[in-house]
Amino acid sequence: VDVERGDRTYRYPCRLALPMDAEIDVVKLGLMRQALRMS
């Protein structure tokens, strides 16, 4: 997950434990929120 702020990019490897059939929008939002918490 890349978090871009101004002219800087911060990259985070994220992992979210969910079943394989989880809704992709839920997965993506969870991964992005994790990156923000890691920042």
Full PDB file with SEQRES, HELIX, SHEET, SSBOND, CRYST1, ORIGX, SCALE, CONECT and MASTER records, all heavy atoms in Angstrom:
SEQRES   1 A   39  VAL ASP VAL GLU ARG GLY ASP ARG THR TYR ARG TYR PRO          
SEQRES   2 A   39  CYS ARG LEU ALA LEU PRO MET ASP ALA GLU ILE ASP VAL          
SEQRES   3 A   39  VAL LYS LEU GLY LEU MET ARG GLN ALA LEU ARG MET SER          
HELIX    1 AA1 ILE A   24  MET A   38  1                                  15    
SHEET    1 AA1 2 ASP A   2  ARG A   5  0                                        
SHEET    2 AA1 2 ARG A   8  ARG A  11 -1                                        
CRYST1    1.000    1.000    1.000  90.00  90.00  90.00 P 1           1          
ORIGX1      1.000000  0.000000  0.000000        0.00000                         
ORIGX2      0.000000  1.000000  0.000000        0.00000                         
ORIGX3      0.000000  0.000000  1.000000        0.00000                         
SCALE1      1.000000  0.000000  0.000000        0.00000                         
SCALE2      0.000000  1.000000  0.000000        0.00000                         
SCALE3      0.000000  0.000000  1.000000        0.00000                         
ATOM      1  N   VAL A   1       0.856  -1.188   0.000  1.00  0.00           N  
ATOM      2  CA  VAL A   1       0.000   0.000   0.000  1.00  0.00           C  
ATOM      3  C   VAL A   1       0.890   1.234   0.000  1.00  0.00           C  
ATOM      4  O   VAL A   1       1.780   1.368   0.840  1.00  0.00           O  
ATOM      5  CB  VAL A   1      -0.940   0.009   1.226  1.00  0.00           C  
ATOM      6  CG1 VAL A   1      -1.857   1.216   1.178  1.00  0.00           C  
ATOM      7  CG2 VAL A   1      -1.750  -1.280   1.304  1.00  0.00           C  
ATOM      8  N   ASP A   2       0.665   2.119  -0.966  1.00  0.00           N  
ATOM      9  CA  ASP A   2       1.412   3.368  -1.055  1.00  0.00           C  
ATOM     10  C   ASP A   2       0.565   4.503  -0.502  1.00  0.00           C  
ATOM     11  O   ASP A   2      -0.591   4.674  -0.908  1.00  0.00           O  
ATOM     12  CB  ASP A   2       1.768   3.688  -2.504  1.00  0.00           C  
ATOM     13  CG  ASP A   2       2.759   2.706  -3.106  1.00  0.00           C  
ATOM     14  OD1 ASP A   2       3.340   1.902  -2.350  1.00  0.00           O  
ATOM     15  OD2 ASP A   2       2.951   2.740  -4.330  1.00  0.00           O  
ATOM     16  N   VAL A   3       1.148   5.265   0.415  1.00  0.00           N  
ATOM     17  CA  VAL A   3       0.498   6.453   0.959  1.00  0.00           C  
ATOM     18  C   VAL A   3       1.307   7.643   0.442  1.00  0.00           C  
ATOM     19  O   VAL A   3       2.477   7.795   0.766  1.00  0.00           O  
ATOM     20  CB  VAL A   3       0.477   6.441   2.502  1.00  0.00           C  
ATOM     21  CG1 VAL A   3      -0.156   7.719   3.042  1.00  0.00           C  
ATOM     22  CG2 VAL A   3      -0.257   5.215   3.027  1.00  0.00           C  
ATOM     23  N   GLU A   4       0.669   8.452  -0.388  1.00  0.00           N  
ATOM     24  CA  GLU A   4       1.341   9.616  -0.967  1.00  0.00           C  
ATOM     25  C   GLU A   4       0.886  10.866  -0.239  1.00  0.00           C  
ATOM     26  O   GLU A   4      -0.310  11.127  -0.116  1.00  0.00           O  
ATOM     27  CB  GLU A   4       1.009   9.734  -2.454  1.00  0.00           C  
ATOM     28  CG  GLU A   4       1.501   8.562  -3.263  1.00  0.00           C  
ATOM     29  CD  GLU A   4       1.059   8.617  -4.712  1.00  0.00           C  
ATOM     30  OE1 GLU A   4       0.312   9.553  -5.088  1.00  0.00           O  
ATOM     31  OE2 GLU A   4       1.444   7.713  -5.465  1.00  0.00           O  
ATOM     32  N   ARG A   5       1.860  11.620   0.247  1.00  0.00           N  
ATOM     33  CA  ARG A   5       1.588  12.891   0.912  1.00  0.00           C  
ATOM     34  C   ARG A   5       2.509  13.930   0.303  1.00  0.00           C  
ATOM     35  O   ARG A   5       3.734  13.838   0.455  1.00  0.00           O  
ATOM     36  CB  ARG A   5       1.845  12.789   2.410  1.00  0.00           C  
ATOM     37  CG  ARG A   5       0.826  11.935   3.107  1.00  0.00           C  
ATOM     38  CD  ARG A   5       0.906  12.101   4.618  1.00  0.00           C  
ATOM     39  NE  ARG A   5      -0.075  11.236   5.229  1.00  0.00           N  
ATOM     40  CZ  ARG A   5       0.218  10.216   6.025  1.00  0.00           C  
ATOM     41  NH1 ARG A   5       1.465   9.956   6.327  1.00  0.00           N  
ATOM     42  NH2 ARG A   5      -0.737   9.472   6.531  1.00  0.00           N  
ATOM     43  N   GLY A   6       1.902  14.873  -0.381  1.00  0.00           N  
ATOM     44  CA  GLY A   6       2.721  15.878  -1.060  1.00  0.00           C  
ATOM     45  C   GLY A   6       3.594  15.201  -2.102  1.00  0.00           C  
ATOM     46  O   GLY A   6       3.106  14.454  -2.938  1.00  0.00           O  
ATOM     47  N   ASP A   7       4.894  15.428  -2.023  1.00  0.00           N  
ATOM     48  CA  ASP A   7       5.822  14.825  -2.978  1.00  0.00           C  
ATOM     49  C   ASP A   7       6.497  13.568  -2.428  1.00  0.00           C  
ATOM     50  O   ASP A   7       7.465  13.080  -2.992  1.00  0.00           O  
ATOM     51  CB  ASP A   7       6.873  15.848  -3.416  1.00  0.00           C  
ATOM     52  CG  ASP A   7       7.712  16.353  -2.251  1.00  0.00           C  
ATOM     53  OD1 ASP A   7       7.339  16.086  -1.087  1.00  0.00           O  
ATOM     54  OD2 ASP A   7       8.736  17.021  -2.507  1.00  0.00           O  
ATOM     55  N   ARG A   8       6.002  13.031  -1.326  1.00  0.00           N  
ATOM     56  CA  ARG A   8       6.594  11.832  -0.699  1.00  0.00           C  
ATOM     57  C   ARG A   8       5.648  10.650  -0.819  1.00  0.00           C  
ATOM     58  O   ARG A   8       4.443  10.798  -0.717  1.00  0.00           O  
ATOM     59  CB  ARG A   8       6.870  12.073   0.790  1.00  0.00           C  
ATOM     60  CG  ARG A   8       7.686  13.291   1.141  1.00  0.00           C  
ATOM     61  CD  ARG A   8       9.162  13.095   1.204  1.00  0.00           C  
ATOM     62  NE  ARG A   8       9.599  11.829   1.704  1.00  0.00           N  
ATOM     63  CZ  ARG A   8      10.451  11.655   2.695  1.00  0.00           C  
ATOM     64  NH1 ARG A   8      10.908  12.692   3.339  1.00  0.00           N  
ATOM     65  NH2 ARG A   8      10.849  10.463   3.040  1.00  0.00           N  
ATOM     66  N   THR A   9       6.241   9.463  -0.992  1.00  0.00           N  
ATOM     67  CA  THR A   9       5.476   8.221  -1.020  1.00  0.00           C  
ATOM     68  C   THR A   9       6.005   7.302   0.070  1.00  0.00           C  
ATOM     69  O   THR A   9       7.209   7.067   0.153  1.00  0.00           O  
ATOM     70  CB  THR A   9       5.590   7.524  -2.391  1.00  0.00           C  
ATOM     71  OG1 THR A   9       5.068   8.400  -3.391  1.00  0.00           O  
ATOM     72  CG2 THR A   9       4.797   6.222  -2.406  1.00  0.00           C  
ATOM     73  N   TYR A  10       5.115   6.795   0.890  1.00  0.00           N  
ATOM     74  CA  TYR A  10       5.460   5.858   1.961  1.00  0.00           C  
ATOM     75  C   TYR A  10       4.840   4.514   1.587  1.00  0.00           C  
ATOM     76  O   TYR A  10       3.647   4.448   1.291  1.00  0.00           O  
ATOM     77  CB  TYR A  10       4.913   6.355   3.299  1.00  0.00           C  
ATOM     78  CG  TYR A  10       5.377   7.747   3.633  1.00  0.00           C  
ATOM     79  CD1 TYR A  10       4.631   8.860   3.255  1.00  0.00           C  
ATOM     80  CD2 TYR A  10       6.577   7.955   4.304  1.00  0.00           C  
ATOM     81  CE1 TYR A  10       5.058  10.142   3.536  1.00  0.00           C  
ATOM     82  CE2 TYR A  10       7.017   9.247   4.597  1.00  0.00           C  
ATOM     83  CZ  TYR A  10       6.253  10.323   4.210  1.00  0.00           C  
ATOM     84  OH  TYR A  10       6.689  11.596   4.495  1.00  0.00           O  
ATOM     85  N   ARG A  11       5.658   3.450   1.595  1.00  0.00           N  
ATOM     86  CA  ARG A  11       5.174   2.124   1.185  1.00  0.00           C  
ATOM     87  C   ARG A  11       5.113   1.195   2.391  1.00  0.00           C  
ATOM     88  O   ARG A  11       6.049   1.117   3.178  1.00  0.00           O  
ATOM     89  CB  ARG A  11       6.104   1.541   0.138  1.00  0.00           C  
ATOM     90  CG  ARG A  11       6.033   2.319  -1.138  1.00  0.00           C  
ATOM     91  CD  ARG A  11       6.665   1.589  -2.296  1.00  0.00           C  
ATOM     92  NE  ARG A  11       6.285   2.257  -3.523  1.00  0.00           N  
ATOM     93  CZ  ARG A  11       7.108   3.013  -4.228  1.00  0.00           C  
ATOM     94  NH1 ARG A  11       8.352   3.144  -3.850  1.00  0.00           N  
ATOM     95  NH2 ARG A  11       6.670   3.598  -5.316  1.00  0.00           N  
ATOM     96  N   TYR A  12       4.010   0.454   2.467  1.00  0.00           N  
ATOM     97  CA  TYR A  12       3.796  -0.457   3.585  1.00  0.00           C  
ATOM     98  C   TYR A  12       3.353  -1.829   3.087  1.00  0.00           C  
ATOM     99  O   TYR A  12       2.431  -1.925   2.284  1.00  0.00           O  
ATOM    100  CB  TYR A  12       2.719   0.102   4.523  1.00  0.00           C  
ATOM    101  CG  TYR A  12       3.070   1.462   5.051  1.00  0.00           C  
ATOM    102  CD1 TYR A  12       2.543   2.610   4.472  1.00  0.00           C  
ATOM    103  CD2 TYR A  12       3.966   1.609   6.103  1.00  0.00           C  
ATOM    104  CE1 TYR A  12       2.883   3.867   4.934  1.00  0.00           C  
ATOM    105  CE2 TYR A  12       4.311   2.862   6.571  1.00  0.00           C  
ATOM    106  CZ  TYR A  12       3.772   3.984   5.987  1.00  0.00           C  
ATOM    107  OH  TYR A  12       4.120   5.225   6.444  1.00  0.00           O  
ATOM    108  N   PRO A  13       3.978  -2.887   3.579  1.00  0.00           N  
ATOM    109  CA  PRO A  13       3.480  -4.236   3.293  1.00  0.00           C  
ATOM    110  C   PRO A  13       2.352  -4.530   4.282  1.00  0.00           C  
ATOM    111  O   PRO A  13       2.549  -4.469   5.494  1.00  0.00           O  
ATOM    112  CB  PRO A  13       4.694  -5.125   3.544  1.00  0.00           C  
ATOM    113  CG  PRO A  13       5.493  -4.374   4.568  1.00  0.00           C  
ATOM    114  CD  PRO A  13       5.221  -2.907   4.323  1.00  0.00           C  
ATOM    115  N   CYS A  14       1.179  -4.822   3.781  1.00  0.00           N  
ATOM    116  CA  CYS A  14       0.029  -5.031   4.664  1.00  0.00           C  
ATOM    117  C   CYS A  14      -0.543  -6.426   4.490  1.00  0.00           C  
ATOM    118  O   CYS A  14      -0.464  -7.021   3.420  1.00  0.00           O  
ATOM    119  CB  CYS A  14      -1.043  -3.981   4.379  1.00  0.00           C  
ATOM    120  SG  CYS A  14      -0.502  -2.319   4.777  1.00  0.00           S  
ATOM    121  N   ARG A  15      -1.125  -6.926   5.581  1.00  0.00           N  
ATOM    122  CA  ARG A  15      -1.733  -8.265   5.599  1.00  0.00           C  
ATOM    123  C   ARG A  15      -3.005  -8.186   6.420  1.00  0.00           C  
ATOM    124  O   ARG A  15      -3.045  -7.586   7.486  1.00  0.00           O  
ATOM    125  CB  ARG A  15      -0.753  -9.233   6.237  1.00  0.00           C  
ATOM    126  CG  ARG A  15      -1.272 -10.649   6.329  1.00  0.00           C  
ATOM    127  CD  ARG A  15      -0.256 -11.566   6.960  1.00  0.00           C  
ATOM    128  NE  ARG A  15       0.886 -11.706   6.063  1.00  0.00           N  
ATOM    129  CZ  ARG A  15       2.067 -12.137   6.452  1.00  0.00           C  
ATOM    130  NH1 ARG A  15       2.287 -12.448   7.706  1.00  0.00           N  
ATOM    131  NH2 ARG A  15       3.052 -12.252   5.587  1.00  0.00           N  
ATOM    132  N   LEU A  16      -4.065  -8.826   5.894  1.00  0.00           N  
ATOM    133  CA  LEU A  16      -5.363  -8.803   6.565  1.00  0.00           C  
ATOM    134  C   LEU A  16      -5.938 -10.211   6.566  1.00  0.00           C  
ATOM    135  O   LEU A  16      -6.206 -10.774   5.509  1.00  0.00           O  
ATOM    136  CB  LEU A  16      -6.297  -7.837   5.830  1.00  0.00           C  
ATOM    137  CG  LEU A  16      -7.658  -7.573   6.432  1.00  0.00           C  
ATOM    138  CD1 LEU A  16      -7.529  -6.933   7.807  1.00  0.00           C  
ATOM    139  CD2 LEU A  16      -8.462  -6.677   5.505  1.00  0.00           C  
ATOM    140  N   ALA A  17      -6.106 -10.770   7.746  1.00  0.00           N  
ATOM    141  CA  ALA A  17      -6.625 -12.138   7.880  1.00  0.00           C  
ATOM    142  C   ALA A  17      -8.143 -12.134   7.721  1.00  0.00           C  
ATOM    143  O   ALA A  17      -8.873 -11.666   8.588  1.00  0.00           O  
ATOM    144  CB  ALA A  17      -6.238 -12.722   9.235  1.00  0.00           C  
ATOM    145  N   LEU A  18      -8.598 -12.627   6.574  1.00  0.00           N  
ATOM    146  CA  LEU A  18     -10.011 -12.766   6.260  1.00  0.00           C  
ATOM    147  C   LEU A  18     -10.174 -14.008   5.396  1.00  0.00           C  
ATOM    148  O   LEU A  18      -9.227 -14.435   4.739  1.00  0.00           O  
ATOM    149  CB  LEU A  18     -10.530 -11.544   5.480  1.00  0.00           C  
ATOM    150  CG  LEU A  18     -10.719 -10.247   6.244  1.00  0.00           C  
ATOM    151  CD1 LEU A  18     -11.077  -9.124   5.283  1.00  0.00           C  
ATOM    152  CD2 LEU A  18     -11.803 -10.390   7.289  1.00  0.00           C  
ATOM    153  N   PRO A  19     -11.367 -14.572   5.347  1.00  0.00           N  
ATOM    154  CA  PRO A  19     -11.579 -15.729   4.468  1.00  0.00           C  
ATOM    155  C   PRO A  19     -11.441 -15.328   2.996  1.00  0.00           C  
ATOM    156  O   PRO A  19     -11.650 -14.168   2.624  1.00  0.00           O  
ATOM    157  CB  PRO A  19     -12.998 -16.190   4.787  1.00  0.00           C  
ATOM    158  CG  PRO A  19     -13.642 -15.065   5.506  1.00  0.00           C  
ATOM    159  CD  PRO A  19     -12.561 -14.228   6.109  1.00  0.00           C  
ATOM    160  N   MET A  20     -11.112 -16.293   2.159  1.00  0.00           N  
ATOM    161  CA  MET A  20     -10.870 -16.038   0.748  1.00  0.00           C  
ATOM    162  C   MET A  20     -12.093 -15.447   0.036  1.00  0.00           C  
ATOM    163  O   MET A  20     -11.958 -14.696  -0.926  1.00  0.00           O  
ATOM    164  CB  MET A  20     -10.452 -17.329   0.041  1.00  0.00           C  
ATOM    165  CG  MET A  20     -10.053 -17.114  -1.381  1.00  0.00           C  
ATOM    166  SD  MET A  20      -9.317 -18.515  -2.256  1.00  0.00           S  
ATOM    167  CE  MET A  20      -9.934 -19.936  -1.456  1.00  0.00           C  
ATOM    168  N   ASP A  21     -13.283 -15.727   0.530  1.00  0.00           N  
ATOM    169  CA  ASP A  21     -14.493 -15.223  -0.126  1.00  0.00           C  
ATOM    170  C   ASP A  21     -14.976 -13.880   0.436  1.00  0.00           C  
ATOM    171  O   ASP A  21     -16.104 -13.457   0.165  1.00  0.00           O  
ATOM    172  CB  ASP A  21     -15.614 -16.254  -0.064  1.00  0.00           C  
ATOM    173  CG  ASP A  21     -16.025 -16.606   1.366  1.00  0.00           C  
ATOM    174  OD1 ASP A  21     -15.330 -16.186   2.315  1.00  0.00           O  
ATOM    175  OD2 ASP A  21     -17.041 -17.311   1.536  1.00  0.00           O  
ATOM    176  N   ALA A  22     -14.123 -13.196   1.179  1.00  0.00           N  
ATOM    177  CA  ALA A  22     -14.488 -11.876   1.715  1.00  0.00           C  
ATOM    178  C   ALA A  22     -14.705 -10.902   0.556  1.00  0.00           C  
ATOM    179  O   ALA A  22     -14.086 -11.021  -0.505  1.00  0.00           O  
ATOM    180  CB  ALA A  22     -13.390 -11.360   2.637  1.00  0.00           C  
ATOM    181  N   GLU A  23     -15.582  -9.938   0.768  1.00  0.00           N  
ATOM    182  CA  GLU A  23     -15.845  -8.937  -0.265  1.00  0.00           C  
ATOM    183  C   GLU A  23     -14.592  -8.103  -0.499  1.00  0.00           C  
ATOM    184  O   GLU A  23     -13.971  -7.620   0.450  1.00  0.00           O  
ATOM    185  CB  GLU A  23     -17.006  -8.038   0.142  1.00  0.00           C  
ATOM    186  CG  GLU A  23     -18.338  -8.756   0.136  1.00  0.00           C  
ATOM    187  CD  GLU A  23     -19.492  -7.794   0.281  1.00  0.00           C  
ATOM    188  OE1 GLU A  23     -19.407  -6.672  -0.257  1.00  0.00           O  
ATOM    189  OE2 GLU A  23     -20.464  -8.178   0.934  1.00  0.00           O  
ATOM    190  N   ILE A  24     -14.242  -7.934  -1.774  1.00  0.00           N  
ATOM    191  CA  ILE A  24     -12.984  -7.273  -2.111  1.00  0.00           C  
ATOM    192  C   ILE A  24     -12.933  -5.829  -1.628  1.00  0.00           C  
ATOM    193  O   ILE A  24     -11.873  -5.347  -1.229  1.00  0.00           O  
ATOM    194  CB  ILE A  24     -12.681  -7.377  -3.629  1.00  0.00           C  
ATOM    195  CG1 ILE A  24     -11.232  -6.987  -3.929  1.00  0.00           C  
ATOM    196  CG2 ILE A  24     -13.667  -6.559  -4.429  1.00  0.00           C  
ATOM    197  CD1 ILE A  24     -10.192  -7.880  -3.318  1.00  0.00           C  
ATOM    198  N   ASP A  25     -14.058  -5.119  -1.613  1.00  0.00           N  
ATOM    199  CA  ASP A  25     -14.039  -3.739  -1.120  1.00  0.00           C  
ATOM    200  C   ASP A  25     -13.723  -3.687   0.372  1.00  0.00           C  
ATOM    201  O   ASP A  25     -13.037  -2.777   0.838  1.00  0.00           O  
ATOM    202  CB  ASP A  25     -15.365  -3.034  -1.395  1.00  0.00           C  
ATOM    203  CG  ASP A  25     -15.550  -2.706  -2.872  1.00  0.00           C  
ATOM    204  OD1 ASP A  25     -14.540  -2.700  -3.614  1.00  0.00           O  
ATOM    205  OD2 ASP A  25     -16.692  -2.461  -3.286  1.00  0.00           O  
ATOM    206  N   VAL A  26     -14.202  -4.662   1.134  1.00  0.00           N  
ATOM    207  CA  VAL A  26     -13.897  -4.754   2.567  1.00  0.00           C  
ATOM    208  C   VAL A  26     -12.406  -5.024   2.747  1.00  0.00           C  
ATOM    209  O   VAL A  26     -11.746  -4.425   3.601  1.00  0.00           O  
ATOM    210  CB  VAL A  26     -14.744  -5.856   3.240  1.00  0.00           C  
ATOM    211  CG1 VAL A  26     -14.288  -6.104   4.664  1.00  0.00           C  
ATOM    212  CG2 VAL A  26     -16.214  -5.484   3.194  1.00  0.00           C  
ATOM    213  N   VAL A  27     -11.863  -5.921   1.936  1.00  0.00           N  
ATOM    214  CA  VAL A  27     -10.438  -6.264   2.003  1.00  0.00           C  
ATOM    215  C   VAL A  27      -9.591  -5.032   1.702  1.00  0.00           C  
ATOM    216  O   VAL A  27      -8.672  -4.692   2.453  1.00  0.00           O  
ATOM    217  CB  VAL A  27     -10.108  -7.401   1.010  1.00  0.00           C  
ATOM    218  CG1 VAL A  27      -8.607  -7.614   0.903  1.00  0.00           C  
ATOM    219  CG2 VAL A  27     -10.818  -8.680   1.398  1.00  0.00           C  
ATOM    220  N   LYS A  28      -9.902  -4.342   0.622  1.00  0.00           N  
ATOM    221  CA  LYS A  28      -9.107  -3.181   0.217  1.00  0.00           C  
ATOM    222  C   LYS A  28      -9.147  -2.075   1.263  1.00  0.00           C  
ATOM    223  O   LYS A  28      -8.116  -1.481   1.594  1.00  0.00           O  
ATOM    224  CB  LYS A  28      -9.588  -2.660  -1.135  1.00  0.00           C  
ATOM    225  CG  LYS A  28      -9.258  -3.588  -2.279  1.00  0.00           C  
ATOM    226  CD  LYS A  28      -9.807  -3.049  -3.587  1.00  0.00           C  
ATOM    227  CE  LYS A  28      -9.448  -3.943  -4.755  1.00  0.00           C  
ATOM    228  NZ  LYS A  28      -9.957  -3.418  -6.031  1.00  0.00           N  
ATOM    229  N   LEU A  29     -10.322  -1.802   1.788  1.00  0.00           N  
ATOM    230  CA  LEU A  29     -10.438  -0.764   2.810  1.00  0.00           C  
ATOM    231  C   LEU A  29      -9.647  -1.145   4.063  1.00  0.00           C  
ATOM    232  O   LEU A  29      -8.959  -0.312   4.651  1.00  0.00           O  
ATOM    233  CB  LEU A  29     -11.910  -0.514   3.151  1.00  0.00           C  
ATOM    234  CG  LEU A  29     -12.183   0.655   4.084  1.00  0.00           C  
ATOM    235  CD1 LEU A  29     -11.649   1.959   3.512  1.00  0.00           C  
ATOM    236  CD2 LEU A  29     -13.670   0.767   4.360  1.00  0.00           C  
ATOM    237  N   GLY A  30      -9.718  -2.403   4.465  1.00  0.00           N  
ATOM    238  CA  GLY A  30      -8.952  -2.865   5.630  1.00  0.00           C  
ATOM    239  C   GLY A  30      -7.454  -2.738   5.428  1.00  0.00           C  
ATOM    240  O   GLY A  30      -6.726  -2.318   6.336  1.00  0.00           O  
ATOM    241  N   LEU A  31      -6.970  -3.075   4.249  1.00  0.00           N  
ATOM    242  CA  LEU A  31      -5.539  -2.951   3.952  1.00  0.00           C  
ATOM    243  C   LEU A  31      -5.097  -1.490   3.961  1.00  0.00           C  
ATOM    244  O   LEU A  31      -4.039  -1.148   4.506  1.00  0.00           O  
ATOM    245  CB  LEU A  31      -5.222  -3.598   2.604  1.00  0.00           C  
ATOM    246  CG  LEU A  31      -5.335  -5.119   2.540  1.00  0.00           C  
ATOM    247  CD1 LEU A  31      -5.341  -5.604   1.094  1.00  0.00           C  
ATOM    248  CD2 LEU A  31      -4.208  -5.790   3.332  1.00  0.00           C  
ATOM    249  N   MET A  32      -5.918  -0.616   3.399  1.00  0.00           N  
ATOM    250  CA  MET A  32      -5.567   0.806   3.376  1.00  0.00           C  
ATOM    251  C   MET A  32      -5.573   1.404   4.781  1.00  0.00           C  
ATOM    252  O   MET A  32      -4.699   2.190   5.137  1.00  0.00           O  
ATOM    253  CB  MET A  32      -6.507   1.565   2.457  1.00  0.00           C  
ATOM    254  CG  MET A  32      -6.273   1.229   0.997  1.00  0.00           C  
ATOM    255  SD  MET A  32      -7.241   2.221  -0.157  1.00  0.00           S  
ATOM    256  CE  MET A  32      -8.839   1.442  -0.016  1.00  0.00           C  
ATOM    257  N   ARG A  33      -6.538   1.023   5.584  1.00  0.00           N  
ATOM    258  CA  ARG A  33      -6.579   1.528   6.966  1.00  0.00           C  
ATOM    259  C   ARG A  33      -5.368   1.042   7.759  1.00  0.00           C  
ATOM    260  O   ARG A  33      -4.820   1.772   8.580  1.00  0.00           O  
ATOM    261  CB  ARG A  33      -7.867   1.088   7.645  1.00  0.00           C  
ATOM    262  CG  ARG A  33      -9.060   1.869   7.179  1.00  0.00           C  
ATOM    263  CD  ARG A  33     -10.320   1.447   7.892  1.00  0.00           C  
ATOM    264  NE  ARG A  33     -11.425   2.326   7.511  1.00  0.00           N  
ATOM    265  CZ  ARG A  33     -12.673   2.059   7.753  1.00  0.00           C  
ATOM    266  NH1 ARG A  33     -13.014   0.941   8.374  1.00  0.00           N  
ATOM    267  NH2 ARG A  33     -13.619   2.885   7.383  1.00  0.00           N  
ATOM    268  N   GLN A  34      -4.957  -0.193   7.503  1.00  0.00           N  
ATOM    269  CA  GLN A  34      -3.776  -0.710   8.190  1.00  0.00           C  
ATOM    270  C   GLN A  34      -2.542   0.115   7.828  1.00  0.00           C  
ATOM    271  O   GLN A  34      -1.734   0.449   8.693  1.00  0.00           O  
ATOM    272  CB  GLN A  34      -3.544  -2.175   7.836  1.00  0.00           C  
ATOM    273  CG  GLN A  34      -2.353  -2.763   8.555  1.00  0.00           C  
ATOM    274  CD  GLN A  34      -2.074  -4.192   8.130  1.00  0.00           C  
ATOM    275  OE1 GLN A  34      -2.277  -4.567   6.983  1.00  0.00           O  
ATOM    276  NE2 GLN A  34      -1.607  -4.974   9.067  1.00  0.00           N  
ATOM    277  N   ALA A  35      -2.392   0.459   6.560  1.00  0.00           N  
ATOM    278  CA  ALA A  35      -1.251   1.270   6.131  1.00  0.00           C  
ATOM    279  C   ALA A  35      -1.252   2.632   6.819  1.00  0.00           C  
ATOM    280  O   ALA A  35      -0.203   3.110   7.252  1.00  0.00           O  
ATOM    281  CB  ALA A  35      -1.262   1.438   4.621  1.00  0.00           C  
ATOM    282  N   LEU A  36      -2.425   3.237   6.942  1.00  0.00           N  
ATOM    283  CA  LEU A  36      -2.504   4.527   7.627  1.00  0.00           C  
ATOM    284  C   LEU A  36      -2.099   4.410   9.093  1.00  0.00           C  
ATOM    285  O   LEU A  36      -1.433   5.287   9.634  1.00  0.00           O  
ATOM    286  CB  LEU A  36      -3.910   5.113   7.514  1.00  0.00           C  
ATOM    287  CG  LEU A  36      -4.293   5.652   6.144  1.00  0.00           C  
ATOM    288  CD1 LEU A  36      -5.750   6.075   6.126  1.00  0.00           C  
ATOM    289  CD2 LEU A  36      -3.392   6.804   5.746  1.00  0.00           C  
ATOM    290  N   ARG A  37      -2.490   3.316   9.741  1.00  0.00           N  
ATOM    291  CA  ARG A  37      -2.093   3.105  11.142  1.00  0.00           C  
ATOM    292  C   ARG A  37      -0.591   2.884  11.259  1.00  0.00           C  
ATOM    293  O   ARG A  37       0.027   3.267  12.254  1.00  0.00           O  
ATOM    294  CB  ARG A  37      -2.839   1.928  11.741  1.00  0.00           C  
ATOM    295  CG  ARG A  37      -4.286   2.205  12.064  1.00  0.00           C  
ATOM    296  CD  ARG A  37      -4.916   1.107  12.907  1.00  0.00           C  
ATOM    297  NE  ARG A  37      -4.737  -0.221  12.356  1.00  0.00           N  
ATOM    298  CZ  ARG A  37      -5.583  -0.836  11.532  1.00  0.00           C  
ATOM    299  NH1 ARG A  37      -6.671  -0.217  11.143  1.00  0.00           N  
ATOM    300  NH2 ARG A  37      -5.336  -2.052  11.105  1.00  0.00           N  
ATOM    301  N   MET A  38       0.017   2.259  10.262  1.00  0.00           N  
ATOM    302  CA  MET A  38       1.452   1.978  10.285  1.00  0.00           C  
ATOM    303  C   MET A  38       2.286   3.228  10.015  1.00  0.00           C  
ATOM    304  O   MET A  38       3.456   3.285  10.369  1.00  0.00           O  
ATOM    305  CB  MET A  38       1.803   0.913   9.232  1.00  0.00           C  
ATOM    306  CG  MET A  38       1.223  -0.443   9.528  1.00  0.00           C  
ATOM    307  SD  MET A  38       1.407  -1.593   8.150  1.00  0.00           S  
ATOM    308  CE  MET A  38       3.173  -1.787   8.095  1.00  0.00           C  
ATOM    309  N   SER A  39       1.689   4.214   9.391  1.00  0.00           N  
ATOM    310  CA  SER A  39       2.423   5.406   8.988  1.00  0.00           C  
ATOM    311  C   SER A  39       2.895   6.192  10.198  1.00  0.00           C  
ATOM    312  O   SER A  39       2.136   6.459  11.115  1.00  0.00           O  
ATOM    313  CB  SER A  39       1.522   6.289   8.117  1.00  0.00           C  
ATOM    314  OG  SER A  39       2.237   7.417   7.689  1.00  0.00           O  
TER     315      SER A  39                                                      
MASTER        0    0    0    1    2    0    0    6  314    1    0    3          
END                                                                             
